[in-house]
C-alpha atoms as a PDB file:
ATOM      1  CA  UNK A   1     -65.396   1.600 -12.580  1.00  0.00           C
ATOM      2  CA  UNK A   2     -68.167   3.575 -10.896  1.00  0.00           C
ATOM      3  CA  UNK A   3     -70.371   6.225 -12.518  1.00  0.00           C
ATOM      4  CA  UNK A   4     -72.180   8.996 -10.652  1.00  0.00           C
ATOM      5  CA  UNK A   5     -75.102  10.674 -12.376  1.00  0.00           C
ATOM      6  CA  UNK A   6     -75.785  14.410 -12.285  1.00  0.00           C
ATOM      7  CA  UNK A   7     -79.456  13.850 -12.907  1.00  0.00           C
ATOM      8  CA  UNK A   8     -81.450  13.353  -9.677  1.00  0.00           C
ATOM      9  CA  UNK A   9     -84.456  12.066 -11.559  1.00  0.00           C
ATOM     10  CA  UNK A  10     -85.289   8.456 -10.786  1.00  0.00           C
ATOM     11  CA  UNK A  11     -84.918   7.236 -14.330  1.00  0.00           C
ATOM     12  CA  UNK A  12     -82.739   5.024 -16.493  1.00  0.00           C
ATOM     13  CA  UNK A  13     -79.616   7.084 -17.153  1.00  0.00           C
ATOM     14  CA  UNK A  14     -78.609   4.771 -19.985  1.00  0.00           C
ATOM     15  CA  UNK A  15     -80.394   5.713 -23.195  1.00  0.00           C
ATOM     16  CA  UNK A  16     -78.753   2.878 -25.124  1.00  0.00           C
ATOM     17  CA  UNK A  17     -76.264   0.116 -24.265  1.00  0.00           C
ATOM     18  CA  UNK A  18     -74.408  -2.441 -26.357  1.00  0.00           C
ATOM     19  CA  UNK A  19     -71.430  -4.671 -25.600  1.00  0.00           C
ATOM     20  CA  UNK A  20     -69.547  -7.716 -26.805  1.00  0.00           C
ATOM     21  CA  UNK A  21     -66.746  -9.887 -25.420  1.00  0.00           C
ATOM     22  CA  UNK A  22     -64.157 -11.442 -27.698  1.00  0.00           C
ATOM     23  CA  UNK A  23     -60.857 -13.234 -27.429  1.00  0.00           C
ATOM     24  CA  UNK A  24     -58.636 -10.689 -25.647  1.00  0.00           C
ATOM     25  CA  UNK A  25     -60.985  -7.742 -26.108  1.00  0.00           C
ATOM     26  CA  UNK A  26     -64.200  -6.225 -24.778  1.00  0.00           C
ATOM     27  CA  UNK A  27     -66.104  -3.517 -26.608  1.00  0.00           C
ATOM     28  CA  UNK A  28     -69.005  -1.483 -25.273  1.00  0.00           C
ATOM     29  CA  UNK A  29     -71.002   1.507 -26.424  1.00  0.00           C
ATOM     30  CA  UNK A  30     -73.420   3.593 -24.400  1.00  0.00           C
ATOM     31  CA  UNK A  31     -75.539   6.707 -24.826  1.00  0.00           C
ATOM     32  CA  UNK A  32     -75.905   8.209 -21.370  1.00  0.00           C
ATOM     33  CA  UNK A  33     -77.261  11.274 -19.592  1.00  0.00           C
ATOM     34  CA  UNK A  34     -74.908  13.776 -17.963  1.00  0.00           C
ATOM     35  CA  UNK A  35     -72.694  12.116 -15.365  1.00  0.00           C
ATOM     36  CA  UNK A  36     -69.218  11.421 -14.050  1.00  0.00           C
ATOM     37  CA  UNK A  37     -66.973   8.366 -14.144  1.00  0.00           C
ATOM     38  CA  UNK A  38     -65.016   8.349 -10.914  1.00  0.00           C
ATOM     39  CA  UNK A  39     -61.276   8.065 -11.264  1.00  0.00           C
ATOM     40  CA  UNK A  40     -60.110   4.470 -11.348  1.00  0.00           C
ATOM     41  CA  UNK A  41     -56.964   2.602 -12.264  1.00  0.00           C
ATOM     42  CA  UNK A  42     -57.334   0.906 -15.606  1.00  0.00           C
ATOM     43  CA  UNK A  43     -56.732  -2.849 -15.277  1.00  0.00           C
ATOM     44  CA  UNK A  44     -56.844  -3.205 -19.070  1.00  0.00           C
ATOM     45  CA  UNK A  45     -55.629  -1.030 -21.902  1.00  0.00           C
ATOM     46  CA  UNK A  46     -58.543   1.351 -22.543  1.00  0.00           C
ATOM     47  CA  UNK A  47     -59.354   3.054 -25.838  1.00  0.00           C
ATOM     48  CA  UNK A  48     -62.322   5.397 -25.657  1.00  0.00           C
ATOM     49  CA  UNK A  49     -63.930   6.964 -28.709  1.00  0.00           C
ATOM     50  CA  UNK A  50     -66.400   9.835 -28.414  1.00  0.00           C
ATOM     51  CA  UNK A  51     -69.113   9.151 -31.004  1.00  0.00           C
ATOM     52  CA  UNK A  52     -71.106  12.302 -30.215  1.00  0.00           C
ATOM     53  CA  UNK A  53     -71.178  14.859 -27.427  1.00  0.00           C
ATOM     54  CA  UNK A  54     -68.152  15.917 -25.394  1.00  0.00           C
ATOM     55  CA  UNK A  55     -66.465  15.037 -22.112  1.00  0.00           C
ATOM     56  CA  UNK A  56     -63.570  16.142 -19.974  1.00  0.00           C
ATOM     57  CA  UNK A  57     -61.036  13.432 -19.194  1.00  0.00           C
ATOM     58  CA  UNK A  58     -58.753  13.591 -16.158  1.00  0.00           C
ATOM     59  CA  UNK A  59     -55.674  11.395 -16.178  1.00  0.00           C
ATOM     60  CA  UNK A  60     -52.506  10.876 -14.202  1.00  0.00           C
ATOM     61  CA  UNK A  61     -49.711  10.395 -16.706  1.00  0.00           C
ATOM     62  CA  UNK A  62     -46.790   8.010 -16.219  1.00  0.00           C
ATOM     63  CA  UNK A  63     -44.754  10.991 -14.983  1.00  0.00           C
ATOM     64  CA  UNK A  64     -47.342  11.808 -12.324  1.00  0.00           C
ATOM     65  CA  UNK A  65     -48.611  14.916 -14.110  1.00  0.00           C
ATOM     66  CA  UNK A  66     -52.349  15.596 -13.935  1.00  0.00           C
ATOM     67  CA  UNK A  67     -53.853  16.160 -17.384  1.00  0.00           C
ATOM     68  CA  UNK A  68     -57.368  17.424 -18.134  1.00  0.00           C
ATOM     69  CA  UNK A  69     -58.520  17.245 -21.749  1.00  0.00           C
ATOM     70  CA  UNK A  70     -61.823  18.094 -23.410  1.00  0.00           C
ATOM     71  CA  UNK A  71     -62.705  15.619 -26.135  1.00  0.00           C
ATOM     72  CA  UNK A  72     -65.375  16.032 -28.803  1.00  0.00           C
ATOM     73  CA  UNK A  73     -66.918  13.858 -31.482  1.00  0.00           C
ATOM     74  CA  UNK A  74     -64.378  11.550 -33.124  1.00  0.00           C
ATOM     75  CA  UNK A  75     -61.680  12.020 -30.487  1.00  0.00           C
ATOM     76  CA  UNK A  76     -59.907   8.978 -29.042  1.00  0.00           C
ATOM     77  CA  UNK A  77     -58.395   8.607 -25.596  1.00  0.00           C
ATOM     78  CA  UNK A  78     -55.891   5.799 -24.966  1.00  0.00           C
ATOM     79  CA  UNK A  79     -55.139   4.914 -21.352  1.00  0.00           C
ATOM     80  CA  UNK A  80     -52.485   2.217 -20.776  1.00  0.00           C
ATOM     81  CA  UNK A  81     -53.258  -0.406 -18.141  1.00  0.00           C
ATOM     82  CA  UNK A  82     -52.283   0.712 -14.639  1.00  0.00           C
ATOM     83  CA  UNK A  83     -52.869   4.429 -15.137  1.00  0.00           C
ATOM     84  CA  UNK A  84     -55.683   6.265 -13.289  1.00  0.00           C
ATOM     85  CA  UNK A  85     -58.403   7.888 -15.394  1.00  0.00           C
ATOM     86  CA  UNK A  86     -61.706   9.646 -14.772  1.00  0.00           C
ATOM     87  CA  UNK A  87     -64.191  11.629 -16.870  1.00  0.00           C
ATOM     88  CA  UNK A  88     -67.096  14.047 -16.596  1.00  0.00           C
ATOM     89  CA  UNK A  89     -69.741  15.042 -19.142  1.00  0.00           C
ATOM     90  CA  UNK A  90     -72.392  17.725 -18.669  1.00  0.00           C
ATOM     91  CA  UNK A  91     -74.777  16.689 -21.439  1.00  0.00           C
ATOM     92  CA  UNK A  92     -75.871  13.405 -23.058  1.00  0.00           C
ATOM     93  CA  UNK A  93     -72.902  11.469 -24.415  1.00  0.00           C
ATOM     94  CA  UNK A  94     -72.448   8.650 -26.923  1.00  0.00           C
ATOM     95  CA  UNK A  95     -69.172   6.873 -26.152  1.00  0.00           C
ATOM     96  CA  UNK A  96     -67.501   3.619 -27.219  1.00  0.00           C
ATOM     97  CA  UNK A  97     -64.883   1.868 -25.116  1.00  0.00           C
ATOM     98  CA  UNK A  98     -62.465  -0.829 -26.269  1.00  0.00           C
ATOM     99  CA  UNK A  99     -60.666  -2.802 -23.548  1.00  0.00           C
ATOM    100  CA  UNK A 100     -57.663  -4.986 -24.389  1.00  0.00           C
ATOM    101  CA  UNK A 101     -56.088  -7.475 -21.986  1.00  0.00           C
ATOM    102  CA  UNK A 102     -52.348  -6.727 -21.520  1.00  0.00           C
ATOM    103  CA  UNK A 103     -51.385 -10.414 -21.821  1.00  0.00           C
ATOM    104  CA  UNK A 104     -53.286 -10.691 -25.099  1.00  0.00           C
ATOM    105  CA  UNK A 105     -51.645  -7.559 -26.537  1.00  0.00           C
ATOM    106  CA  UNK A 106     -48.191  -8.761 -25.500  1.00  0.00           C
ATOM    107  CA  UNK A 107     -48.784 -12.199 -27.032  1.00  0.00           C
ATOM    108  CA  UNK A 108     -50.005 -10.587 -30.257  1.00  0.00           C
ATOM    109  CA  UNK A 109     -46.924  -8.327 -30.317  1.00  0.00           C
ATOM    110  CA  UNK A 110     -44.481 -11.228 -29.900  1.00  0.00           C
ATOM    111  CA  UNK A 111     -46.264 -13.397 -32.486  1.00  0.00           C
ATOM    112  CA  UNK A 112     -46.032 -10.566 -35.002  1.00  0.00           C
ATOM    113  CA  UNK A 113     -42.354  -9.747 -34.523  1.00  0.00           C
ATOM    114  CA  UNK A 114     -42.760  -6.748 -32.230  1.00  0.00           C
ATOM    115  CA  UNK A 115     -40.616  -6.386 -29.136  1.00  0.00           C
ATOM    116  CA  UNK A 116     -42.237  -7.789 -25.999  1.00  0.00           C
ATOM    117  CA  UNK A 117     -41.116  -4.825 -23.895  1.00  0.00           C
ATOM    118  CA  UNK A 118     -43.217  -1.848 -24.976  1.00  0.00           C
ATOM    119  CA  UNK A 119     -45.587   0.804 -23.661  1.00  0.00           C
ATOM    120  CA  UNK A 120     -48.622   2.447 -25.184  1.00  0.00           C
ATOM    121  CA  UNK A 121     -48.464   6.178 -25.715  1.00  0.00           C
ATOM    122  CA  UNK A 122     -50.772   8.401 -23.678  1.00  0.00           C
ATOM    123  CA  UNK A 123     -53.233   9.763 -26.219  1.00  0.00           C
ATOM    124  CA  UNK A 124     -55.850  12.329 -25.276  1.00  0.00           C
ATOM    125  CA  UNK A 125     -57.721  13.745 -28.253  1.00  0.00           C
ATOM    126  CA  UNK A 126     -56.392  12.403 -31.537  1.00  0.00           C
ATOM    127  CA  UNK A 127     -58.810  11.324 -34.248  1.00  0.00           C
ATOM    128  CA  UNK A 128     -58.502   7.883 -35.802  1.00  0.00           C
ATOM    129  CA  UNK A 129     -61.448   6.828 -37.997  1.00  0.00           C
ATOM    130  CA  UNK A 130     -60.045   3.294 -38.363  1.00  0.00           C
ATOM    131  CA  UNK A 131     -60.271   2.613 -34.610  1.00  0.00           C
ATOM    132  CA  UNK A 132     -63.879   3.822 -34.571  1.00  0.00           C
ATOM    133  CA  UNK A 133     -64.730   1.770 -37.652  1.00  0.00           C
ATOM    134  CA  UNK A 134     -63.206  -1.436 -36.224  1.00  0.00           C
ATOM    135  CA  UNK A 135     -64.880  -0.926 -32.845  1.00  0.00           C
ATOM    136  CA  UNK A 136     -68.311  -0.454 -34.399  1.00  0.00           C
ATOM    137  CA  UNK A 137     -67.765  -3.493 -36.633  1.00  0.00           C
ATOM    138  CA  UNK A 138     -66.951  -5.593 -33.557  1.00  0.00           C
ATOM    139  CA  UNK A 139     -70.077  -4.354 -31.799  1.00  0.00           C
ATOM    140  CA  UNK A 140     -72.101  -5.310 -34.855  1.00  0.00           C
ATOM    141  CA  UNK A 141     -70.869  -8.879 -34.335  1.00  0.00           C
ATOM    142  CA  UNK A 142     -72.817  -8.993 -31.052  1.00  0.00           C
ATOM    143  CA  UNK A 143     -76.049  -9.085 -33.076  1.00  0.00           C
ATOM    144  CA  UNK A 144     -76.782 -12.707 -34.065  1.00  0.00           C
ATOM    145  CA  UNK A 145     -78.694 -11.462 -37.103  1.00  0.00           C
ATOM    146  CA  UNK A 146     -75.580  -9.761 -38.489  1.00  0.00           C
ATOM    147  CA  UNK A 147     -72.719 -11.804 -37.064  1.00  0.00           C
ATOM    148  CA  UNK A 148     -70.232 -13.173 -39.574  1.00  0.00           C
ATOM    149  CA  UNK A 149     -68.715 -15.511 -36.969  1.00  0.00           C
ATOM    150  CA  UNK A 150     -65.609 -15.851 -34.804  1.00  0.00           C
ATOM    151  CA  UNK A 151     -63.185 -15.954 -37.726  1.00  0.00           C
ATOM    152  CA  UNK A 152     -64.252 -12.483 -38.874  1.00  0.00           C
ATOM    153  CA  UNK A 153     -64.321 -11.054 -35.338  1.00  0.00           C
ATOM    154  CA  UNK A 154     -60.849 -12.457 -34.583  1.00  0.00           C
ATOM    155  CA  UNK A 155     -59.514 -10.840 -37.750  1.00  0.00           C
ATOM    156  CA  UNK A 156     -60.937  -7.473 -36.679  1.00  0.00           C
ATOM    157  CA  UNK A 157     -59.344  -7.752 -33.213  1.00  0.00           C
ATOM    158  CA  UNK A 158     -55.985  -8.669 -34.776  1.00  0.00           C
ATOM    159  CA  UNK A 159     -56.169  -5.699 -37.147  1.00  0.00           C
ATOM    160  CA  UNK A 160     -57.081  -3.331 -34.316  1.00  0.00           C
ATOM    161  CA  UNK A 161     -54.326  -4.582 -31.987  1.00  0.00           C
ATOM    162  CA  UNK A 162     -51.632  -4.378 -34.649  1.00  0.00           C
ATOM    163  CA  UNK A 163     -52.804  -0.896 -35.659  1.00  0.00           C
ATOM    164  CA  UNK A 164     -52.435   0.235 -32.050  1.00  0.00           C
ATOM    165  CA  UNK A 165     -48.993  -1.365 -31.712  1.00  0.00           C
ATOM    166  CA  UNK A 166     -47.748   0.258 -34.909  1.00  0.00           C
ATOM    167  CA  UNK A 167     -49.154   3.729 -34.302  1.00  0.00           C
ATOM    168  CA  UNK A 168     -49.593   4.193 -30.548  1.00  0.00           C
ATOM    169  CA  UNK A 169     -46.760   2.310 -28.882  1.00  0.00           C
ATOM    170  CA  UNK A 170     -42.968   2.351 -28.743  1.00  0.00           C
ATOM    171  CA  UNK A 171     -42.769  -1.322 -29.754  1.00  0.00           C
ATOM    172  CA  UNK A 172     -39.943  -2.059 -32.174  1.00  0.00           C
ATOM    173  CA  UNK A 173     -40.712  -4.194 -35.185  1.00  0.00           C
ATOM    174  CA  UNK A 174     -38.240  -6.849 -36.313  1.00  0.00           C
ATOM    175  CA  UNK A 175     -38.361  -7.069 -40.110  1.00  0.00           C
ATOM    176  CA  UNK A 176     -38.388 -10.443 -41.764  1.00  0.00           C
ATOM    177  CA  UNK A 177     -39.077 -11.831 -45.192  1.00  0.00           C
ATOM    178  CA  UNK A 178     -42.769 -12.740 -45.130  1.00  0.00           C
ATOM    179  CA  UNK A 179     -43.589 -12.310 -48.800  1.00  0.00           C
ATOM    180  CA  UNK A 180     -44.235 -15.997 -49.414  1.00  0.00           C
ATOM    181  CA  UNK A 181     -47.523 -17.820 -49.054  1.00  0.00           C
ATOM    182  CA  UNK A 182     -48.256 -21.163 -47.467  1.00  0.00           C
ATOM    183  CA  UNK A 183     -46.421 -24.252 -48.628  1.00  0.00           C
ATOM    184  CA  UNK A 184     -48.514 -26.663 -50.665  1.00  0.00           C
ATOM    185  CA  UNK A 185     -48.652 -29.103 -47.764  1.00  0.00           C
ATOM    186  CA  UNK A 186     -49.777 -26.504 -45.227  1.00  0.00           C
ATOM    187  CA  UNK A 187     -52.350 -25.038 -47.596  1.00  0.00           C
ATOM    188  CA  UNK A 188     -53.885 -28.479 -48.195  1.00  0.00           C
ATOM    189  CA  UNK A 189     -54.011 -29.141 -44.445  1.00  0.00           C
ATOM    190  CA  UNK A 190     -55.769 -25.833 -43.811  1.00  0.00           C
ATOM    191  CA  UNK A 191     -58.270 -26.332 -46.633  1.00  0.00           C
ATOM    192  CA  UNK A 192     -59.056 -29.883 -45.502  1.00  0.00           C
ATOM    193  CA  UNK A 193     -59.515 -28.646 -41.919  1.00  0.00           C
ATOM    194  CA  UNK A 194     -61.938 -25.900 -42.998  1.00  0.00           C
ATOM    195  CA  UNK A 195     -63.870 -28.190 -45.344  1.00  0.00           C
ATOM    196  CA  UNK A 196     -64.316 -30.766 -42.552  1.00  0.00           C
ATOM    197  CA  UNK A 197     -65.702 -28.165 -40.134  1.00  0.00           C
ATOM    198  CA  UNK A 198     -67.915 -25.934 -42.266  1.00  0.00           C
ATOM    199  CA  UNK A 199     -70.770 -26.178 -39.769  1.00  0.00           C
ATOM    200  CA  UNK A 200     -68.610 -24.941 -36.868  1.00  0.00           C
ATOM    201  CA  UNK A 201     -67.933 -21.361 -35.768  1.00  0.00           C
ATOM    202  CA  UNK A 202     -64.192 -21.524 -36.448  1.00  0.00           C
ATOM    203  CA  UNK A 203     -61.770 -19.031 -34.939  1.00  0.00           C
ATOM    204  CA  UNK A 204     -58.715 -17.574 -36.635  1.00  0.00           C
ATOM    205  CA  UNK A 205     -56.510 -19.088 -33.908  1.00  0.00           C
ATOM    206  CA  UNK A 206     -57.814 -22.611 -34.596  1.00  0.00           C
ATOM    207  CA  UNK A 207     -57.067 -22.392 -38.311  1.00  0.00           C
ATOM    208  CA  UNK A 208     -53.692 -20.669 -37.864  1.00  0.00           C
ATOM    209  CA  UNK A 209     -52.636 -23.467 -35.510  1.00  0.00           C
ATOM    210  CA  UNK A 210     -53.067 -25.983 -38.319  1.00  0.00           C
ATOM    211  CA  UNK A 211     -50.566 -23.971 -40.373  1.00  0.00           C
ATOM    212  CA  UNK A 212     -48.268 -23.539 -37.331  1.00  0.00           C
ATOM    213  CA  UNK A 213     -48.232 -19.755 -37.760  1.00  0.00           C
ATOM    214  CA  UNK A 214     -49.345 -16.716 -35.777  1.00  0.00           C
ATOM    215  CA  UNK A 215     -52.819 -15.511 -36.649  1.00  0.00           C
ATOM    216  CA  UNK A 216     -51.580 -12.442 -38.496  1.00  0.00           C
ATOM    217  CA  UNK A 217     -48.886 -14.250 -40.496  1.00  0.00           C
ATOM    218  CA  UNK A 218     -51.294 -17.041 -41.353  1.00  0.00           C
ATOM    219  CA  UNK A 219     -53.958 -14.640 -42.642  1.00  0.00           C
ATOM    220  CA  UNK A 220     -51.385 -12.857 -44.792  1.00  0.00           C
ATOM    221  CA  UNK A 221     -49.836 -16.089 -46.137  1.00  0.00           C
ATOM    222  CA  UNK A 222     -53.251 -17.613 -46.850  1.00  0.00           C
ATOM    223  CA  UNK A 223     -54.282 -14.590 -48.875  1.00  0.00           C
ATOM    224  CA  UNK A 224     -50.989 -14.687 -50.736  1.00  0.00           C
ATOM    225  CA  UNK A 225     -51.606 -18.326 -51.673  1.00  0.00           C
ATOM    226  CA  UNK A 226     -55.308 -18.167 -52.518  1.00  0.00           C
ATOM    227  CA  UNK A 227     -56.117 -14.537 -53.279  1.00  0.00           C
ATOM    228  CA  UNK A 228     -58.761 -14.685 -50.553  1.00  0.00           C
ATOM    229  CA  UNK A 229     -58.936 -13.962 -46.848  1.00  0.00           C
ATOM    230  CA  UNK A 230     -59.674 -16.979 -44.607  1.00  0.00           C
ATOM    231  CA  UNK A 231     -63.154 -15.508 -44.026  1.00  0.00           C
ATOM    232  CA  UNK A 232     -63.862 -15.220 -47.763  1.00  0.00           C
ATOM    233  CA  UNK A 233     -62.657 -18.782 -48.379  1.00  0.00           C
ATOM    234  CA  UNK A 234     -64.798 -20.138 -45.532  1.00  0.00           C
ATOM    235  CA  UNK A 235     -67.928 -18.383 -46.811  1.00  0.00           C
ATOM    236  CA  UNK A 236     -67.360 -19.584 -50.376  1.00  0.00           C
ATOM    237  CA  UNK A 237     -66.912 -23.177 -49.205  1.00  0.00           C
ATOM    238  CA  UNK A 238     -70.077 -22.932 -47.084  1.00  0.00           C
ATOM    239  CA  UNK A 239     -72.074 -21.693 -50.076  1.00  0.00           C
ATOM    240  CA  UNK A 240     -70.696 -24.483 -52.297  1.00  0.00           C
ATOM    241  CA  UNK A 241     -71.730 -27.028 -49.671  1.00  0.00           C
ATOM    242  CA  UNK A 242     -75.132 -25.358 -49.414  1.00  0.00           C
ATOM    243  CA  UNK A 243     -75.615 -25.743 -53.166  1.00  0.00           C
ATOM    244  CA  UNK A 244     -74.985 -29.469 -52.855  1.00  0.00           C
ATOM    245  CA  UNK A 245     -77.588 -29.720 -50.082  1.00  0.00           C
ATOM    246  CA  UNK A 246     -80.109 -27.522 -51.900  1.00  0.00           C
ATOM    247  CA  UNK A 247     -80.040 -30.007 -54.768  1.00  0.00           C
ATOM    248  CA  UNK A 248     -81.794 -32.428 -52.410  1.00  0.00           C
ATOM    249  CA  UNK A 249     -85.535 -31.710 -52.327  1.00  0.00           C
ATOM    250  CA  UNK A 250     -86.080 -33.227 -48.885  1.00  0.00           C
ATOM    251  CA  UNK A 251     -83.890 -30.827 -46.864  1.00  0.00           C
ATOM    252  CA  UNK A 252     -85.561 -27.647 -45.504  1.00  0.00           C
ATOM    253  CA  UNK A 253     -83.603 -24.453 -46.180  1.00  0.00           C
ATOM    254  CA  UNK A 254     -83.401 -23.638 -42.478  1.00  0.00           C
ATOM    255  CA  UNK A 255     -81.720 -27.003 -41.882  1.00  0.00           C
ATOM    256  CA  UNK A 256     -79.258 -26.359 -44.692  1.00  0.00           C
ATOM    257  CA  UNK A 257     -78.334 -22.993 -43.181  1.00  0.00           C
ATOM    258  CA  UNK A 258     -77.476 -24.677 -39.874  1.00  0.00           C
ATOM    259  CA  UNK A 259     -75.536 -27.521 -41.514  1.00  0.00           C
ATOM    260  CA  UNK A 260     -73.356 -25.013 -43.345  1.00  0.00           C
ATOM    261  CA  UNK A 261     -72.457 -22.956 -40.275  1.00  0.00           C
ATOM    262  CA  UNK A 262     -74.863 -20.020 -40.499  1.00  0.00           C
ATOM    263  CA  UNK A 263     -76.510 -18.901 -37.274  1.00  0.00           C
ATOM    264  CA  UNK A 264     -79.891 -18.331 -38.896  1.00  0.00           C
ATOM    265  CA  UNK A 265     -81.685 -18.559 -42.230  1.00  0.00           C
ATOM    266  CA  UNK A 266     -81.701 -14.773 -42.707  1.00  0.00           C
ATOM    267  CA  UNK A 267     -77.904 -14.523 -42.591  1.00  0.00           C
ATOM    268  CA  UNK A 268     -77.599 -17.565 -44.857  1.00  0.00           C
ATOM    269  CA  UNK A 269     -79.925 -15.985 -47.423  1.00  0.00           C
ATOM    270  CA  UNK A 270     -78.001 -12.690 -47.348  1.00  0.00           C
ATOM    271  CA  UNK A 271     -74.610 -14.350 -47.983  1.00  0.00           C
ATOM    272  CA  UNK A 272     -76.016 -16.797 -50.554  1.00  0.00           C
ATOM    273  CA  UNK A 273     -77.560 -13.967 -52.568  1.00  0.00           C
ATOM    274  CA  UNK A 274     -74.357 -11.907 -52.308  1.00  0.00           C
ATOM    275  CA  UNK A 275     -72.257 -14.726 -53.787  1.00  0.00           C
ATOM    276  CA  UNK A 276     -74.730 -16.196 -56.302  1.00  0.00           C
ATOM    277  CA  UNK A 277     -77.193 -13.345 -57.087  1.00  0.00           C
ATOM    278  CA  UNK A 278     -80.036 -15.719 -56.124  1.00  0.00           C
ATOM    279  CA  UNK A 279     -81.848 -16.564 -52.909  1.00  0.00           C
ATOM    280  CA  UNK A 280     -81.484 -20.216 -51.793  1.00  0.00           C
ATOM    281  CA  UNK A 281     -85.148 -20.821 -52.671  1.00  0.00           C
ATOM    282  CA  UNK A 282     -84.770 -19.415 -56.204  1.00  0.00           C
ATOM    283  CA  UNK A 283     -81.484 -21.273 -56.763  1.00  0.00           C
ATOM    284  CA  UNK A 284     -83.144 -24.575 -55.743  1.00  0.00           C
ATOM    285  CA  UNK A 285     -86.123 -23.974 -58.023  1.00  0.00           C
ATOM    286  CA  UNK A 286     -83.820 -23.265 -60.981  1.00  0.00           C
ATOM    287  CA  UNK A 287     -81.620 -26.282 -60.190  1.00  0.00           C
ATOM    288  CA  UNK A 288     -84.527 -28.696 -59.880  1.00  0.00           C
ATOM    289  CA  UNK A 289     -86.567 -27.304 -62.768  1.00  0.00           C
END
């Protein structure tokens, strides 16, 4: 997509930019000066959220009707893949865009018992705090200092996609009995797999494959069996392993953080304190006293 700027000043028209790419999704946020996004045909499903400011969106609906809508703070605009869309804003704008690959959305729908033949509704100015919250959480994952890892990000994308399918599409849901948890055998396989790979940045898809379930059904069954989300279980196991390593005086804390799957010592310290009430350094001193 191409953006034309109203300002003729030779300056950086982006006041702030942030983006992240995930499995099946791309999320970006930008604070920009007044400008115009030229009309283009969306190759992906686009969900735009106006954080602050306002803009006028021009769209060609599936019926060929031209629609112009003014959106303010908190408004969402959903444009299904293949539909033309453009926008104009006359003052600085803070906007977040979420792009979902059609193949990924369709695969997620089928895996979660939705009909494969569906269309997204054309939404122009609804408000949906959950979409904004999930988008911002995904953007936060782009910061290595704050990232909780692929497993957490995958769970957010799954939640967002299913929320959109349930509330903004005509996809039919096929009900089934999914109240049970994992069988004892499958639960042991999953736990052994996680315990053997604590230092790796595991994805939800990798773990769900061990249980031979879709990502969504696995996450729900795992929680039913353990009372924890896969992310919570992984973090608890990492901290337990870290305690074992901290009991050895010769291992630096930064090395322990890497061996237990944390991207940096700061994130390791934050999670360790959250789950134990102590910093790794204090816990080691108390253990070895």
